[in-house]
Amino acid sequence: MRVEIWSDIACPWCYVGKARFEKALGEFPHRDGVEVVHRSFELDPGRGKDDVEPVLGMLTAKYGMSEAQAQAGEADLGAQAAAEGLPYRTRGRDHGSTFDMHRLLHFAKAAGKQEALLDAFYRANFAEERSVFADDERLVELAVAAGLDAEGARAVLADPAAHADDVRADEREAARLGARGVPFFVLDRAYGVSGAQPVEVFAQALDRAWRARTPLAMVQGDGDACGPDGCAVPGA
């Protein structure tokens, strides 16, 4: 069974939702039969690479809330993250374009390091002081920490076209499936779960999707075929 997860590194609920989903998956009796694929989604796709601002300023401008309301929301997110065992800085974070990080995640996928890099990006953005935005060397350091080659990561960042089509393809697919926000979980292209749901909801979704899988229906006939012992020779 395949679970596809659309998310953005700038999304705090994606950070929390990933931890909750992983708790549910860890307790799922068929977890060894589940493939998890992470897909790209930008919350702010039109933002320029050098357009970086404090999170509180972004929240007050985008949602029309007061600074006190924005800070209260960050405090609540910090508490929810802590409940999942996640560190979260409720003050001093910034916000910017995540496009280059998504491109690097596709680069990491080809090397089997996507999960490690995604976790590194989340920790850096939500728990560490140094910004991940508009700083290519910071992203290279995180890529190396995730097990990737530094020069390979630099080459991706130096070429704006590298993996750009992969990111856009993920985003188009999200739109086609009806995703209006993230995190967005799709189980076997049959069930969708939107948002950082409680662990119990993810557990129910995994169980329901597993039980609903349709086994391959075989149509029997007399046609010849090749097998482990070789191919039948006509007339032999």
Protein backbone atom coordinates (compact mmCIF):
# COMPACT_ATOMS: atom_id res chain seq x y z
CA MET A 1 0.00 0.00 0.00
CA ARG A 2 1.32 3.43 -0.88
CA VAL A 3 0.79 6.56 1.22
CA GLU A 4 1.60 9.85 -0.48
CA ILE A 5 2.09 12.92 1.71
CA TRP A 6 1.99 16.42 0.27
CA SER A 7 3.66 18.90 2.62
CA ASP A 8 5.71 22.09 2.87
CA ILE A 9 8.72 22.74 5.09
CA ALA A 10 7.23 26.11 6.10
CA CYS A 11 4.03 24.43 7.36
CA PRO A 12 4.01 23.80 11.13
CA TRP A 13 1.04 21.45 10.85
CA CYS A 14 3.02 19.35 8.36
CA TYR A 15 5.78 19.06 10.97
CA VAL A 16 3.29 17.97 13.64
CA GLY A 17 1.20 15.86 11.25
CA LYS A 18 4.21 13.86 10.08
CA ALA A 19 4.99 12.89 13.67
CA ARG A 20 1.39 11.86 14.34
CA PHE A 21 1.18 9.83 11.14
CA GLU A 22 4.45 8.07 11.95
CA LYS A 23 3.14 7.12 15.39
CA ALA A 24 0.08 5.56 13.77
CA LEU A 25 2.20 3.81 11.15
CA GLY A 26 4.55 2.49 13.83
CA GLU A 27 1.63 0.73 15.52
CA PHE A 28 0.06 -0.49 12.26
CA PRO A 29 0.35 -4.30 12.02
CA HIS A 30 1.03 -4.14 8.27
CA ARG A 31 3.54 -1.28 8.43
CA ASP A 32 6.17 -3.30 6.54
CA GLY A 33 3.78 -3.38 3.59
CA VAL A 34 3.35 0.40 3.45
CA GLU A 35 5.44 2.60 1.16
CA VAL A 36 5.53 6.29 2.12
CA VAL A 37 6.20 8.85 -0.62
CA HIS A 38 6.69 12.55 0.17
CA ARG A 39 5.50 15.06 -2.41
CA SER A 40 6.00 18.80 -2.85
CA PHE A 41 3.55 21.56 -2.02
CA GLU A 42 4.44 25.25 -1.61
CA LEU A 43 2.26 27.38 0.64
CA ASP A 44 3.77 30.52 -0.88
CA PRO A 45 4.75 29.57 -4.46
CA GLY A 46 5.07 33.12 -5.73
CA ARG A 47 7.58 34.27 -3.13
CA GLY A 48 11.05 35.19 -4.35
CA LYS A 49 14.11 33.45 -2.99
CA ASP A 50 15.39 36.56 -1.20
CA ASP A 51 11.97 37.58 0.16
CA VAL A 52 12.40 36.56 3.79
CA GLU A 53 10.45 38.01 6.71
CA PRO A 54 9.64 37.22 10.34
CA VAL A 55 6.89 34.63 10.81
CA LEU A 56 4.87 36.97 13.00
CA GLY A 57 4.93 39.68 10.34
CA MET A 58 3.83 37.21 7.69
CA LEU A 59 0.96 35.97 9.85
CA THR A 60 -0.34 39.44 10.70
CA ALA A 61 -0.21 40.56 7.05
CA LYS A 62 -1.64 37.39 5.52
CA TYR A 63 -4.39 36.64 8.01
CA GLY A 64 -5.18 40.10 9.37
CA MET A 65 -4.52 39.10 12.98
CA SER A 66 -2.83 41.14 15.66
CA GLU A 67 0.74 40.38 16.70
CA ALA A 68 -0.58 39.13 20.05
CA GLN A 69 -2.92 36.72 18.27
CA ALA A 70 -0.11 35.51 16.02
CA GLN A 71 2.17 34.94 19.00
CA ALA A 72 -0.59 33.08 20.85
CA GLY A 73 -1.00 30.84 17.82
CA GLU A 74 2.72 30.12 17.78
CA ALA A 75 2.61 29.27 21.47
CA ASP A 76 -0.24 26.83 20.85
CA LEU A 77 1.67 25.22 18.00
CA GLY A 78 4.70 24.92 20.26
CA ALA A 79 2.61 23.08 22.83
CA GLN A 80 1.16 20.71 20.23
CA ALA A 81 4.61 20.02 18.83
CA ALA A 82 5.95 19.34 22.32
CA ALA A 83 3.13 16.84 22.89
CA GLU A 84 4.52 14.87 19.92
CA GLY A 85 8.09 15.09 21.23
CA LEU A 86 9.10 17.78 18.71
CA PRO A 87 11.18 20.87 19.51
CA TYR A 88 9.61 24.15 18.35
CA ARG A 89 10.84 27.73 18.63
CA THR A 90 7.81 29.94 19.23
CA ARG A 91 9.78 33.18 18.75
CA GLY A 92 12.34 34.45 16.29
CA ARG A 93 11.56 32.21 13.31
CA ASP A 94 11.36 33.54 9.78
CA HIS A 95 9.48 32.66 6.60
CA GLY A 96 10.51 32.47 2.95
CA SER A 97 10.46 30.47 -0.26
CA THR A 98 10.73 26.68 0.07
CA PHE A 99 11.12 25.96 -3.65
CA ASP A 100 14.85 25.16 -3.46
CA MET A 101 14.27 22.85 -0.51
CA HIS A 102 11.65 20.94 -2.48
CA ARG A 103 14.06 20.65 -5.40
CA LEU A 104 16.67 19.22 -3.04
CA LEU A 105 14.13 16.77 -1.64
CA HIS A 106 13.63 15.35 -5.14
CA PHE A 107 17.40 15.12 -5.52
CA ALA A 108 17.52 13.28 -2.17
CA LYS A 109 14.73 10.92 -3.24
CA ALA A 110 16.86 9.59 -6.08
CA ALA A 111 19.58 8.82 -3.53
CA GLY A 112 17.22 7.20 -1.02
CA LYS A 113 17.74 10.07 1.46
CA GLN A 114 14.48 12.00 1.11
CA GLU A 115 13.09 11.15 4.54
CA ALA A 116 16.34 12.08 6.29
CA LEU A 117 16.55 15.41 4.46
CA LEU A 118 12.92 16.27 5.11
CA ASP A 119 13.42 15.66 8.83
CA ALA A 120 16.58 17.79 8.76
CA PHE A 121 14.71 20.64 7.06
CA TYR A 122 11.86 20.47 9.57
CA ARG A 123 14.19 20.50 12.57
CA ALA A 124 16.22 23.37 11.16
CA ASN A 125 13.19 25.49 10.32
CA PHE A 126 11.17 24.92 13.46
CA ALA A 127 13.74 24.23 16.16
CA GLU A 128 17.10 25.77 15.23
CA GLU A 129 18.17 29.41 15.30
CA ARG A 130 19.92 29.70 11.94
CA SER A 131 17.55 30.37 9.05
CA VAL A 132 17.03 27.92 6.19
CA PHE A 133 15.87 30.64 3.79
CA ALA A 134 18.00 32.38 1.14
CA ASP A 135 21.12 30.60 2.36
CA ASP A 136 22.35 27.94 -0.04
CA GLU A 137 25.25 26.87 2.17
CA ARG A 138 22.86 26.25 5.04
CA LEU A 139 20.88 23.92 2.78
CA VAL A 140 24.06 22.19 1.65
CA GLU A 141 25.06 21.61 5.29
CA LEU A 142 21.68 20.03 5.99
CA ALA A 143 21.93 17.90 2.85
CA VAL A 144 25.34 16.60 3.94
CA ALA A 145 23.98 15.87 7.43
CA ALA A 146 21.26 13.79 5.73
CA GLY A 147 23.89 11.75 3.89
CA LEU A 148 24.00 13.55 0.55
CA ASP A 149 27.00 14.71 -1.45
CA ALA A 150 27.80 18.39 -0.91
CA GLU A 151 28.81 19.10 -4.51
CA GLY A 152 25.74 17.34 -5.81
CA ALA A 153 23.52 19.49 -3.60
CA ARG A 154 25.35 22.66 -4.68
CA ALA A 155 24.88 21.70 -8.31
CA VAL A 156 21.13 21.39 -7.81
CA LEU A 157 20.94 24.76 -6.09
CA ALA A 158 23.05 26.40 -8.79
CA ASP A 159 20.73 25.20 -11.56
CA PRO A 160 17.21 26.68 -11.17
CA ALA A 161 15.84 24.07 -13.58
CA ALA A 162 17.13 21.06 -11.62
CA HIS A 163 14.11 19.10 -10.34
CA ALA A 164 11.88 22.14 -10.88
CA ASP A 165 9.58 20.09 -13.11
CA ASP A 166 9.33 17.42 -10.40
CA VAL A 167 8.16 20.00 -7.87
CA ARG A 168 5.61 21.48 -10.27
CA ALA A 169 4.34 18.03 -11.23
CA ASP A 170 3.68 17.22 -7.56
CA GLU A 171 1.83 20.50 -7.13
CA ARG A 172 -0.31 19.93 -10.21
CA GLU A 173 -1.17 16.45 -8.95
CA ALA A 174 -2.16 17.87 -5.57
CA ALA A 175 -4.52 20.29 -7.30
CA ARG A 176 -5.96 17.49 -9.43
CA LEU A 177 -6.68 15.46 -6.28
CA GLY A 178 -8.40 18.40 -4.63
CA ALA A 179 -5.78 19.37 -2.05
CA ARG A 180 -6.38 22.91 -0.84
CA GLY A 181 -3.86 22.81 1.97
CA VAL A 182 -1.28 20.66 3.67
CA PRO A 183 -0.50 18.22 5.10
CA PHE A 184 -2.51 16.12 2.67
CA PHE A 185 -2.33 12.32 2.88
CA VAL A 186 -3.48 10.02 0.07
CA LEU A 187 -3.73 6.31 0.82
CA ASP A 188 -3.55 4.02 -2.21
CA ARG A 189 -5.25 6.73 -4.29
CA ALA A 190 -8.48 5.66 -2.62
CA TYR A 191 -8.65 7.63 0.65
CA GLY A 192 -7.58 11.15 1.57
CA VAL A 193 -6.81 12.64 4.97
CA SER A 194 -6.38 16.39 5.25
CA GLY A 195 -4.61 18.13 8.11
CA ALA A 196 -2.58 17.13 11.16
CA GLN A 197 -5.19 14.72 12.46
CA PRO A 198 -4.92 12.85 15.78
CA VAL A 199 -2.98 9.59 15.75
CA GLU A 200 -6.26 7.66 16.06
CA VAL A 201 -7.59 9.13 12.82
CA PHE A 202 -4.47 8.12 10.91
CA ALA A 203 -4.67 4.63 12.43
CA GLN A 204 -8.28 4.29 11.27
CA ALA A 205 -7.40 5.52 7.78
CA LEU A 206 -4.53 3.05 7.45
CA ASP A 207 -6.71 0.18 8.58
CA ARG A 208 -9.58 1.14 6.30
CA ALA A 209 -7.34 1.58 3.25
CA TRP A 210 -5.58 -1.73 3.90
CA ARG A 211 -8.84 -3.66 4.23
CA ALA A 212 -10.25 -2.03 1.10
CA ARG A 213 -7.40 -3.06 -1.15
CA THR A 214 -8.68 -5.03 -4.12
CA PRO A 215 -6.69 -8.18 -4.89
CA LEU A 216 -5.73 -8.77 -8.50
CA ALA A 217 -8.55 -10.56 -10.31
CA MET A 218 -7.21 -13.26 -12.62
CA VAL A 219 -8.86 -14.19 -15.90
CA GLN A 220 -7.94 -17.82 -16.61
CA GLY A 221 -7.16 -19.02 -20.09
CA ASP A 222 -4.99 -21.42 -22.06
CA GLY A 223 -2.32 -18.99 -23.23
CA ASP A 224 1.34 -19.97 -23.06
CA ALA A 225 3.60 -18.24 -20.56
CA CYS A 226 7.17 -18.21 -19.25
CA GLY A 227 7.90 -19.12 -15.64
CA PRO A 228 10.80 -19.60 -13.21
CA ASP A 229 11.68 -22.88 -14.91
CA GLY A 230 11.82 -21.37 -18.36
CA CYS A 231 9.46 -21.10 -21.32
CA ALA A 232 7.35 -23.90 -22.75
CA VAL A 233 8.49 -24.95 -26.23
CA PRO A 234 5.59 -25.31 -28.69
CA GLY A 235 5.12 -28.90 -29.78
CA ALA A 236 7.65 -30.29 -27.28
